[in-house]
Every structure is written in structure tokens, then in C-alpha cells.
Amino acid sequence: MPLALSTIAMRMFKPEVESLIKALVAISLIALVLVPISWGYEQRRQARAWQSVACAYRVREVAQRATMVRVDYATDPCGALQRLGFDLEPPR
């Protein structure tokens, strides 16, 4: 009689444990996709906040050097810089 291995003979765990393992694998795969996405979103949010701080410092510096320039930079400091014709240099 040839060796006929059925799926029942090859099972290592009870069906309840197998379904739990499958659920854990599915949750892990979803987490492996969502965690990097959420990390990237948070990094982008922090980068924009730091860019806004840098723009505010640059606008304040420009306003101190040119006393005739009055700029309201509290709401959008990067937009104020662009309206004045200045931009932050991109990182090198």
C-alpha cells in the first residue's frame, strides 16, 4: 500500500488552534503594512511642523533686517516667506 498522507494525518494542531494561528498571521500581516504607513505619516507631520518653525525664524530674521517690512507670519510663515520672495533652501 503506497503511502497516502492525508491532511488529517499531517495536522499538528487542533482546528481551534490552527484558526487562532491563522488569525494571528492575518493580523500580523495587516500590522506589517499599517505600521510603516502610520510611521511615515507621523514623520511627515513632524517635518512640516519643523519646516514651519524654520520659516518663522527666517521671517523674523528678514523682518529684523528690513524694518519697513511688516509681515503677519503667525498663521503661515512659509507662505509669508514666499510672498516676500524668500524661500528656505532645500536640504543638500
C-alpha atoms as a PDB file:
ATOM      1  CA  MET A   1       0.000   0.000   0.000  1.00  0.00           C
ATOM      2  CA  PRO A   2       1.544   3.296  -1.069  1.00  0.00           C
ATOM      3  CA  LEU A   3       1.988   5.959   1.499  1.00  0.00           C
ATOM      4  CA  ALA A   4      -1.106   8.089   1.322  1.00  0.00           C
ATOM      5  CA  LEU A   5      -0.694  11.075   3.555  1.00  0.00           C
ATOM      6  CA  SER A   6      -3.932  12.812   4.139  1.00  0.00           C
ATOM      7  CA  THR A   7      -4.312  16.278   5.521  1.00  0.00           C
ATOM      8  CA  ILE A   8      -5.837  14.872   8.666  1.00  0.00           C
ATOM      9  CA  ALA A   9      -2.761  12.807   9.398  1.00  0.00           C
ATOM     10  CA  MET A  10      -0.465  15.803   8.846  1.00  0.00           C
ATOM     11  CA  ARG A  11      -2.221  18.200  11.198  1.00  0.00           C
ATOM     12  CA  MET A  12      -0.094  19.230  14.104  1.00  0.00           C
ATOM     13  CA  PHE A  13      -2.651  21.310  15.984  1.00  0.00           C
ATOM     14  CA  LYS A  14      -6.299  21.148  16.848  1.00  0.00           C
ATOM     15  CA  PRO A  15      -8.592  23.025  14.447  1.00  0.00           C
ATOM     16  CA  GLU A  16      -9.236  25.732  17.078  1.00  0.00           C
ATOM     17  CA  VAL A  17      -5.522  26.351  17.483  1.00  0.00           C
ATOM     18  CA  GLU A  18      -4.999  26.397  13.709  1.00  0.00           C
ATOM     19  CA  SER A  19      -7.708  29.022  13.265  1.00  0.00           C
ATOM     20  CA  LEU A  20      -6.145  31.094  16.045  1.00  0.00           C
ATOM     21  CA  ILE A  21      -2.739  30.876  14.362  1.00  0.00           C
ATOM     22  CA  LYS A  22      -4.251  31.851  11.007  1.00  0.00           C
ATOM     23  CA  ALA A  23      -5.951  34.851  12.631  1.00  0.00           C
ATOM     24  CA  LEU A  24      -2.679  35.907  14.277  1.00  0.00           C
ATOM     25  CA  VAL A  25      -0.869  35.616  10.947  1.00  0.00           C
ATOM     26  CA  ALA A  26      -3.526  37.739   9.232  1.00  0.00           C
ATOM     27  CA  ILE A  27      -3.364  40.396  11.971  1.00  0.00           C
ATOM     28  CA  SER A  28       0.438  40.388  11.778  1.00  0.00           C
ATOM     29  CA  LEU A  29       0.385  40.898   8.001  1.00  0.00           C
ATOM     30  CA  ILE A  30      -2.044  43.790   8.338  1.00  0.00           C
ATOM     31  CA  ALA A  31       0.140  45.312  11.067  1.00  0.00           C
ATOM     32  CA  LEU A  32       3.240  44.936   8.863  1.00  0.00           C
ATOM     33  CA  VAL A  33       1.522  47.136   6.292  1.00  0.00           C
ATOM     34  CA  LEU A  34      -0.154  49.672   8.576  1.00  0.00           C
ATOM     35  CA  VAL A  35       2.722  50.366  10.980  1.00  0.00           C
ATOM     36  CA  PRO A  36       5.114  51.745   8.312  1.00  0.00           C
ATOM     37  CA  ILE A  37       2.306  53.814   6.807  1.00  0.00           C
ATOM     38  CA  SER A  38       1.427  55.375  10.143  1.00  0.00           C
ATOM     39  CA  TRP A  39       5.122  55.925  10.950  1.00  0.00           C
ATOM     40  CA  GLY A  40       5.622  57.715   7.628  1.00  0.00           C
ATOM     41  CA  TYR A  41       2.551  59.868   8.216  1.00  0.00           C
ATOM     42  CA  GLU A  42       3.861  60.912  11.640  1.00  0.00           C
ATOM     43  CA  GLN A  43       7.310  61.693  10.221  1.00  0.00           C
ATOM     44  CA  ARG A  44       5.742  63.862   7.526  1.00  0.00           C
ATOM     45  CA  ARG A  45       3.663  65.707  10.117  1.00  0.00           C
ATOM     46  CA  GLN A  46       6.727  66.385  12.254  1.00  0.00           C
ATOM     47  CA  ALA A  47       8.743  67.525   9.225  1.00  0.00           C
ATOM     48  CA  ARG A  48       6.060  70.043   8.317  1.00  0.00           C
ATOM     49  CA  ALA A  49       5.972  71.336  11.886  1.00  0.00           C
ATOM     50  CA  TRP A  50       9.751  71.806  11.885  1.00  0.00           C
ATOM     51  CA  GLN A  51       9.602  73.470   8.481  1.00  0.00           C
ATOM     52  CA  SER A  52       7.041  75.916   9.839  1.00  0.00           C
ATOM     53  CA  VAL A  53       9.333  76.707  12.787  1.00  0.00           C
ATOM     54  CA  ALA A  54      12.263  77.259  10.413  1.00  0.00           C
ATOM     55  CA  CYS A  55      10.166  79.562   8.241  1.00  0.00           C
ATOM     56  CA  ALA A  56       9.060  81.545  11.284  1.00  0.00           C
ATOM     57  CA  TYR A  57      12.685  82.090  12.335  1.00  0.00           C
ATOM     58  CA  ARG A  58      13.611  83.115   8.794  1.00  0.00           C
ATOM     59  CA  VAL A  59      10.693  85.577   8.546  1.00  0.00           C
ATOM     60  CA  ARG A  60      11.628  87.058  11.909  1.00  0.00           C
ATOM     61  CA  GLU A  61      15.221  87.449  10.712  1.00  0.00           C
ATOM     62  CA  VAL A  62      14.097  89.159   7.493  1.00  0.00           C
ATOM     63  CA  ALA A  63      11.735  91.459   9.404  1.00  0.00           C
ATOM     64  CA  GLN A  64      14.511  92.499  11.803  1.00  0.00           C
ATOM     65  CA  ARG A  65      16.899  93.377   8.967  1.00  0.00           C
ATOM     66  CA  ALA A  66      14.312  95.247   6.908  1.00  0.00           C
ATOM     67  CA  THR A  67      12.385  97.456   9.323  1.00  0.00           C
ATOM     68  CA  MET A  68       9.985  98.552   6.600  1.00  0.00           C
ATOM     69  CA  VAL A  69       8.659  95.021   6.160  1.00  0.00           C
ATOM     70  CA  ARG A  70       5.629  94.194   8.256  1.00  0.00           C
ATOM     71  CA  VAL A  71       4.548  90.601   7.889  1.00  0.00           C
ATOM     72  CA  ASP A  72       1.911  88.617   9.705  1.00  0.00           C
ATOM     73  CA  TYR A  73       3.604  85.253   9.834  1.00  0.00           C
ATOM     74  CA  ALA A  74       1.708  83.719  12.737  1.00  0.00           C
ATOM     75  CA  THR A  75      -0.655  81.711  10.561  1.00  0.00           C
ATOM     76  CA  ASP A  76       1.542  80.715   7.609  1.00  0.00           C
ATOM     77  CA  PRO A  77       5.221  81.631   7.961  1.00  0.00           C
ATOM     78  CA  CYS A  78       6.308  79.691   4.849  1.00  0.00           C
ATOM     79  CA  GLY A  79       3.649  81.431   2.767  1.00  0.00           C
ATOM     80  CA  ALA A  80       4.826  84.787   4.123  1.00  0.00           C
ATOM     81  CA  LEU A  81       8.375  83.947   3.041  1.00  0.00           C
ATOM     82  CA  GLN A  82       7.198  83.088  -0.459  1.00  0.00           C
ATOM     83  CA  ARG A  83       5.202  86.328  -0.713  1.00  0.00           C
ATOM     84  CA  LEU A  84       8.362  88.251   0.218  1.00  0.00           C
ATOM     85  CA  GLY A  85      10.357  86.359  -2.410  1.00  0.00           C
ATOM     86  CA  PHE A  86      12.394  84.256   0.003  1.00  0.00           C
ATOM     87  CA  ASP A  87      12.401  80.508   0.295  1.00  0.00           C
ATOM     88  CA  LEU A  88      14.117  78.089   2.567  1.00  0.00           C
ATOM     89  CA  GLU A  89      16.944  76.338   0.811  1.00  0.00           C
ATOM     90  CA  PRO A  90      16.225  72.670   0.210  1.00  0.00           C
ATOM     91  CA  PRO A  91      18.373  70.279   2.233  1.00  0.00           C
ATOM     92  CA  ARG A  92      21.552  69.145   0.498  1.00  0.00           C
END
